[in-house]
Protein backbone atom coordinates (compact mmCIF):
# COMPACT_ATOMS: atom_id res chain seq x y z
CA MET A 1 -8.09 -21.23 -0.42
CA ASP A 2 -5.94 -22.14 2.44
CA TYR A 3 -3.19 -19.26 3.15
CA SER A 4 -1.44 -20.87 5.92
CA SER A 5 1.80 -21.17 4.14
CA TYR A 6 1.51 -17.98 2.97
CA ALA A 7 1.64 -16.48 6.75
CA ALA A 8 3.35 -16.40 10.26
CA GLN A 9 2.04 -18.54 12.63
CA SER A 10 -1.02 -17.34 14.81
CA THR A 11 -2.00 -14.89 11.57
CA SER A 12 -5.80 -15.00 10.61
CA VAL A 13 -6.55 -14.76 7.56
CA LYS A 14 -9.76 -13.72 5.84
CA GLU A 15 -10.83 -13.47 1.89
CA TYR A 16 -13.50 -11.19 1.09
CA MET A 17 -14.84 -8.98 -2.20
CA LEU A 18 -14.54 -5.38 -2.08
CA GLU A 19 -17.06 -3.43 -4.50
CA VAL A 20 -15.66 -0.23 -5.98
CA SER A 21 -17.20 3.10 -7.00
CA ASP A 22 -17.96 1.69 -10.49
CA GLY A 23 -19.81 -1.18 -9.54
CA VAL A 24 -16.48 -3.83 -10.15
CA SER A 25 -15.53 -5.60 -7.07
CA VAL A 26 -11.77 -6.85 -6.61
CA LYS A 27 -10.76 -9.81 -4.11
CA ILE A 28 -9.02 -9.18 -0.63
CA ILE A 29 -7.31 -11.44 1.33
CA GLU A 30 -6.12 -9.88 4.67
CA PHE A 31 -3.83 -11.11 7.05
CA THR A 32 -4.00 -10.09 10.50
CA PRO A 33 -0.95 -11.61 13.18
CA LYS A 34 -2.23 -12.48 16.70
CA ASN A 35 -1.36 -9.53 19.03
CA VAL A 36 -0.19 -7.09 16.21
CA SER A 37 0.94 -3.75 17.52
CA PRO A 38 -1.01 -0.96 16.97
CA GLU A 39 2.30 1.19 16.31
CA LYS A 40 2.85 -1.38 13.31
CA PRO A 41 1.72 0.10 10.24
CA VAL A 42 -1.05 -1.81 8.32
CA ILE A 43 0.63 -2.88 4.47
CA LEU A 44 -1.88 -2.42 1.60
CA PHE A 45 0.00 -4.69 -1.00
CA VAL A 46 -0.70 -4.46 -4.55
CA ALA A 47 0.85 -6.95 -6.63
CA GLY A 48 2.03 -6.80 -10.61
CA TRP A 49 0.05 -7.28 -13.85
CA ILE A 50 -2.21 -10.36 -13.67
CA SER A 51 0.39 -11.85 -11.07
CA LEU A 52 -0.59 -14.44 -8.76
CA ILE A 53 -0.74 -14.37 -5.00
CA SER A 54 1.46 -17.63 -5.02
CA GLY A 55 4.38 -15.56 -6.43
CA TRP A 56 4.56 -13.83 -3.14
CA LYS A 57 4.18 -16.59 -1.17
CA ASP A 58 7.69 -16.06 1.02
CA VAL A 59 7.41 -12.17 1.08
CA LEU A 60 4.28 -12.44 2.77
CA LYS A 61 5.51 -14.90 5.05
CA VAL A 62 8.08 -12.49 6.52
CA LEU A 63 6.23 -9.39 6.58
CA THR A 64 2.60 -10.63 8.28
CA SER A 65 4.77 -11.63 11.31
CA GLU A 66 4.29 -8.23 12.83
CA HIS A 67 1.72 -6.33 10.10
CA ARG A 68 -1.66 -6.72 9.08
CA ILE A 69 -1.62 -7.13 5.28
CA ILE A 70 -4.34 -6.18 3.23
CA TYR A 71 -3.53 -8.14 0.06
CA LEU A 72 -5.64 -6.07 -3.12
CA GLU A 73 -5.98 -8.42 -6.34
CA SER A 74 -6.43 -5.43 -8.56
CA ARG A 75 -9.16 -5.53 -11.36
CA GLU A 76 -7.48 -7.12 -14.36
CA LYS A 77 -7.00 -10.28 -11.99
CA HIS A 78 -9.50 -13.48 -13.23
CA SER A 79 -10.63 -12.85 -9.39
CA SER A 80 -12.60 -9.63 -9.76
CA LYS A 81 -16.26 -9.28 -10.54
CA VAL A 82 -16.77 -6.99 -13.40
CA PRO A 83 -20.12 -6.22 -14.48
CA ASP A 84 -19.33 -5.57 -17.97
CA VAL A 85 -15.71 -5.52 -19.39
CA ARG A 86 -16.70 -2.99 -22.22
CA LYS A 87 -18.06 -0.48 -19.91
CA VAL A 88 -15.93 -0.16 -17.03
CA SER A 89 -12.30 1.33 -17.07
CA PHE A 90 -9.15 -0.77 -16.64
CA SER A 91 -6.72 2.28 -16.95
CA MET A 92 -4.26 3.81 -14.50
CA GLU A 93 -6.27 6.16 -13.68
CA ARG A 94 -8.85 3.96 -12.17
CA LEU A 95 -6.51 1.74 -10.85
CA LYS A 96 -5.21 4.57 -8.60
CA LEU A 97 -8.95 5.22 -7.73
CA ASP A 98 -9.02 1.49 -6.35
CA ILE A 99 -5.85 2.15 -4.13
CA GLY A 100 -7.64 5.22 -2.93
CA GLU A 101 -11.37 3.45 -2.38
CA MET A 102 -9.53 0.86 -0.60
CA ILE A 103 -8.00 3.08 1.59
CA LYS A 104 -11.10 4.78 2.40
CA LYS A 105 -13.02 1.73 3.34
CA ASP A 106 -10.46 -0.73 5.22
CA ILE A 107 -7.83 1.65 6.73
CA SER A 108 -9.21 3.68 9.58
CA PRO A 109 -8.11 7.20 9.81
CA SER A 110 -6.22 6.43 12.93
CA GLU A 111 -4.15 3.72 11.43
CA LYS A 112 -1.11 4.23 10.02
CA PHE A 113 -0.31 2.49 6.56
CA ILE A 114 2.37 1.83 3.74
CA LEU A 115 1.68 1.17 0.38
CA ALA A 116 3.52 -1.81 -1.41
CA GLY A 117 3.58 -3.04 -4.62
CA SER A 118 5.27 -4.71 -7.57
CA SER A 119 5.36 -3.93 -11.27
CA LEU A 120 1.86 -2.34 -12.40
CA GLY A 121 0.82 -2.26 -8.52
CA ALA A 122 4.06 0.11 -7.79
CA SER A 123 3.52 2.39 -10.96
CA ALA A 124 -0.42 2.62 -9.77
CA ILE A 125 1.02 3.35 -6.21
CA LEU A 126 3.26 5.73 -7.77
CA GLU A 127 0.57 7.33 -9.63
CA TYR A 128 -1.54 7.85 -6.17
CA CYS A 129 0.78 9.23 -4.00
CA ARG A 130 0.77 11.93 -6.65
CA SER A 131 -2.73 12.34 -5.95
CA GLU A 132 -4.45 14.44 -3.18
CA GLY A 133 -5.58 11.09 -1.45
CA ARG A 134 -4.79 10.37 1.99
CA LYS A 135 -0.88 9.78 1.98
CA PRO A 136 0.93 6.65 3.25
CA GLN A 137 3.90 6.80 5.50
CA TYR A 138 6.18 5.62 2.89
CA ALA A 139 5.87 3.18 0.05
CA VAL A 140 7.90 0.32 -1.07
CA LEU A 141 8.01 0.07 -5.00
CA ILE A 142 9.46 -3.51 -6.27
CA ALA A 143 9.96 -3.13 -9.98
CA PRO A 144 8.22 -0.33 -11.18
CA ASN A 145 7.47 -0.41 -14.63
CA THR A 146 7.89 3.30 -15.72
CA GLU A 147 6.29 2.95 -19.13
CA PHE A 148 4.24 0.44 -20.64
CA ARG A 149 5.16 -0.08 -24.54
CA PHE A 150 3.87 -2.90 -26.71
CA PRO A 151 6.30 -4.16 -29.64
CA LYS A 152 4.91 -4.07 -32.68
CA VAL A 153 3.89 -7.60 -33.29
CA LEU A 154 2.08 -7.53 -29.93
CA GLY A 155 0.82 -4.33 -30.44
CA SER A 156 -0.71 -5.48 -33.82
CA ILE A 157 -2.21 -8.73 -32.38
CA ILE A 158 -3.63 -7.51 -29.30
CA PRO A 159 -6.31 -5.13 -30.72
CA ALA A 160 -7.38 -7.20 -33.14
CA ILE A 161 -7.88 -10.52 -31.77
CA HIS A 162 -11.11 -11.25 -30.04
CA PRO A 163 -10.90 -12.36 -26.60
CA SER A 164 -12.32 -15.70 -27.22
CA LEU A 165 -9.48 -16.35 -29.44
CA TYR A 166 -6.97 -16.17 -26.17
CA LEU A 167 -6.05 -19.54 -26.30
CA SER A 168 -5.15 -19.55 -29.94
CA VAL A 169 -2.85 -16.36 -29.45
CA LYS A 170 -1.19 -17.72 -25.64
CA PRO A 171 1.46 -19.96 -27.19
CA LEU A 172 2.61 -16.62 -29.54
CA ILE A 173 2.91 -14.87 -26.29
CA LYS A 174 4.76 -17.29 -24.56
CA TRP A 175 6.85 -17.80 -27.45
CA TYR A 176 7.93 -14.06 -27.56
CA LEU A 177 8.56 -13.82 -24.11
CA LYS A 178 10.97 -16.70 -23.74
CA ASN A 179 12.72 -15.46 -26.50
CA PHE A 180 12.92 -11.77 -26.82
CA ARG A 181 12.21 -10.42 -23.20
CA LEU A 182 13.59 -13.26 -20.88
CA ASP A 183 16.98 -15.24 -20.74
CA LYS A 184 16.04 -18.89 -21.01
CA LYS A 185 19.07 -20.03 -19.56
CA ASP A 186 18.95 -17.70 -16.38
CA CYS A 187 15.11 -16.98 -15.83
CA LYS A 188 13.54 -20.35 -16.12
CA GLU A 189 11.73 -19.88 -12.75
CA GLN A 190 10.48 -16.78 -14.08
CA ILE A 191 9.71 -17.97 -17.35
CA GLU A 192 7.48 -20.59 -15.51
CA LYS A 193 6.09 -18.10 -13.37
CA TYR A 194 4.81 -16.03 -16.24
CA GLU A 195 3.58 -18.90 -18.15
CA ASN A 196 1.23 -20.06 -15.18
CA THR A 197 -0.02 -16.55 -14.61
CA LEU A 198 -0.93 -16.14 -18.38
CA ASP A 199 -2.61 -19.58 -18.09
CA CYS A 200 -4.77 -17.95 -14.88
CA ALA A 201 -5.76 -14.67 -16.88
CA ASP A 202 -9.04 -13.87 -17.62
CA PRO A 203 -8.77 -12.98 -21.51
CA TYR A 204 -11.12 -9.96 -21.55
CA LYS A 205 -10.24 -8.38 -18.59
CA LEU A 206 -6.46 -8.86 -19.92
CA LYS A 207 -7.34 -6.88 -23.29
CA ALA A 208 -9.19 -4.35 -21.81
CA ASN A 209 -6.49 -3.57 -19.51
CA ALA A 210 -3.60 -3.81 -22.14
CA LEU A 211 -5.38 -1.76 -24.29
CA ALA A 212 -5.95 0.84 -21.32
CA ILE A 213 -2.41 1.21 -20.11
CA LYS A 214 -0.62 0.51 -23.82
CA ASN A 215 0.99 3.99 -23.90
CA TYR A 216 1.03 4.89 -20.27
CA SER A 217 4.31 6.52 -19.26
CA ILE A 218 5.39 7.88 -15.67
CA TRP A 219 7.50 10.56 -17.55
CA GLU A 220 4.19 12.23 -19.38
CA ASN A 221 3.53 13.46 -15.30
CA PRO A 222 6.32 16.17 -14.50
CA ASP A 223 5.12 15.87 -10.63
CA SER A 224 7.85 14.39 -8.06
CA VAL A 225 6.91 12.03 -5.35
CA ASP A 226 8.26 13.53 -1.62
CA ILE A 227 6.73 9.85 0.19
CA PRO A 228 9.81 7.92 1.69
CA CYS A 229 10.15 4.89 -0.74
CA LEU A 230 12.26 1.87 -0.93
CA ILE A 231 12.69 0.94 -4.56
CA ILE A 232 13.72 -2.46 -5.31
CA GLY A 233 15.26 -3.85 -8.58
CA ALA A 234 17.05 -6.88 -10.03
CA THR A 235 19.82 -6.84 -12.00
CA LYS A 236 18.79 -9.87 -14.41
CA ASP A 237 15.06 -8.84 -14.81
CA THR A 238 14.86 -7.95 -18.20
CA LEU A 239 11.05 -6.92 -18.30
CA HIS A 240 11.64 -4.74 -15.53
CA ASP A 241 14.98 -2.73 -16.33
CA ALA A 242 17.20 -1.77 -13.67
CA ASP A 243 18.57 1.50 -15.87
CA ASN A 244 15.07 2.79 -16.46
CA ILE A 245 14.09 2.36 -12.23
CA LYS A 246 16.98 3.59 -11.42
CA ARG A 247 15.60 7.00 -13.29
CA LEU A 248 12.92 6.96 -10.77
CA LEU A 249 15.27 8.26 -7.94
CA LYS A 250 14.85 11.66 -9.97
CA VAL A 251 11.37 11.38 -9.72
CA VAL A 252 11.18 9.97 -5.84
CA THR A 253 12.85 12.47 -4.03
CA LYS A 254 13.21 10.70 -0.94
CA SER A 255 14.02 7.23 -2.03
CA THR A 256 16.33 4.29 -0.95
CA TYR A 257 17.15 2.03 -3.97
CA ILE A 258 18.83 -1.52 -3.56
CA GLU A 259 19.36 -3.87 -6.55
CA LEU A 260 18.70 -7.43 -6.10
CA GLU A 261 19.93 -10.13 -8.51
CA SER A 262 17.07 -11.73 -10.28
CA ASN A 263 12.91 -11.41 -10.43
CA MET A 264 12.81 -14.28 -8.29
CA GLU A 265 14.74 -12.82 -5.52
CA THR A 266 12.54 -9.77 -5.35
CA HIS A 267 9.94 -12.16 -4.66
CA SER A 268 12.05 -14.04 -2.22
CA GLU A 269 12.41 -14.30 1.45
CA LYS A 270 15.39 -11.95 1.23
CA ALA A 271 12.95 -9.19 -0.38
CA GLY A 272 10.50 -9.61 2.39
CA HIS A 273 13.64 -9.33 5.23
CA ILE A 274 14.87 -6.23 3.37
CA ILE A 275 11.33 -4.73 3.19
CA ALA A 276 10.95 -5.51 7.01
CA GLN A 277 14.24 -4.11 7.90
CA TYR A 278 13.59 -0.91 5.91
CA ILE A 279 10.25 -0.34 7.83
CA GLN A 280 11.84 -0.81 10.94
CA GLY A 281 14.84 1.44 9.98
CA ILE A 282 12.58 4.60 9.03
CA GLN A 283 10.35 4.04 12.29
CA ASP A 284 13.53 4.22 14.75
């Protein structure tokens, strides 16, 4: 894939698979600016549930001007190589372990680094920051999911349906999102983005991951996070409730909260500049 439109000029890009301890291989896209300063921290970016990198093009283009970016496509995504979906875990605990192994393998002990992510990726980052692993300087959490609770209709359908029937069920999932979770009038671009994401999903991994995280709640773990964090929410993003995200400010004790208007704005150049300014400000 040509990533030139995702990066600032004179940025080199390499794509590779990284095998983690349970035999799963995850896809990595690494962006390295020419003459990058060693003072600039590496950013390990973990996108949301089955998200596509295309949704982060504008943010990446801003951040790759000064930072080496390691973009991790987590194991539930189509790009991962899984020996046997039935025998590996897709739980939050496993996603947290993947982040830790990625840090050990690709970020040297002398390098400063930041963890950044959205939705499911941001939730996994929060859990990692509560662990005993090597800590980032700070974290950027974009619309983190504080919990995963399926509505009854999907909670009944997903366990019962074989992944091979995903094509038959997919229109129902799209219909539910469009009519009950998203604003058809104000969120047309977000709807289109999620429909494209569902079209590209691997149904076997999707089901395994959905079942593994269906009862996840960040509130079940009372431990606070004392790493400085930028938390970004969106007023009109009904899938990532801003009021619920604001509750995180009690858990993340050194947090800065910024609320943008929409989900699409959290994926925009504006969001990229907000992140870059936060990083610069906290380093000064």
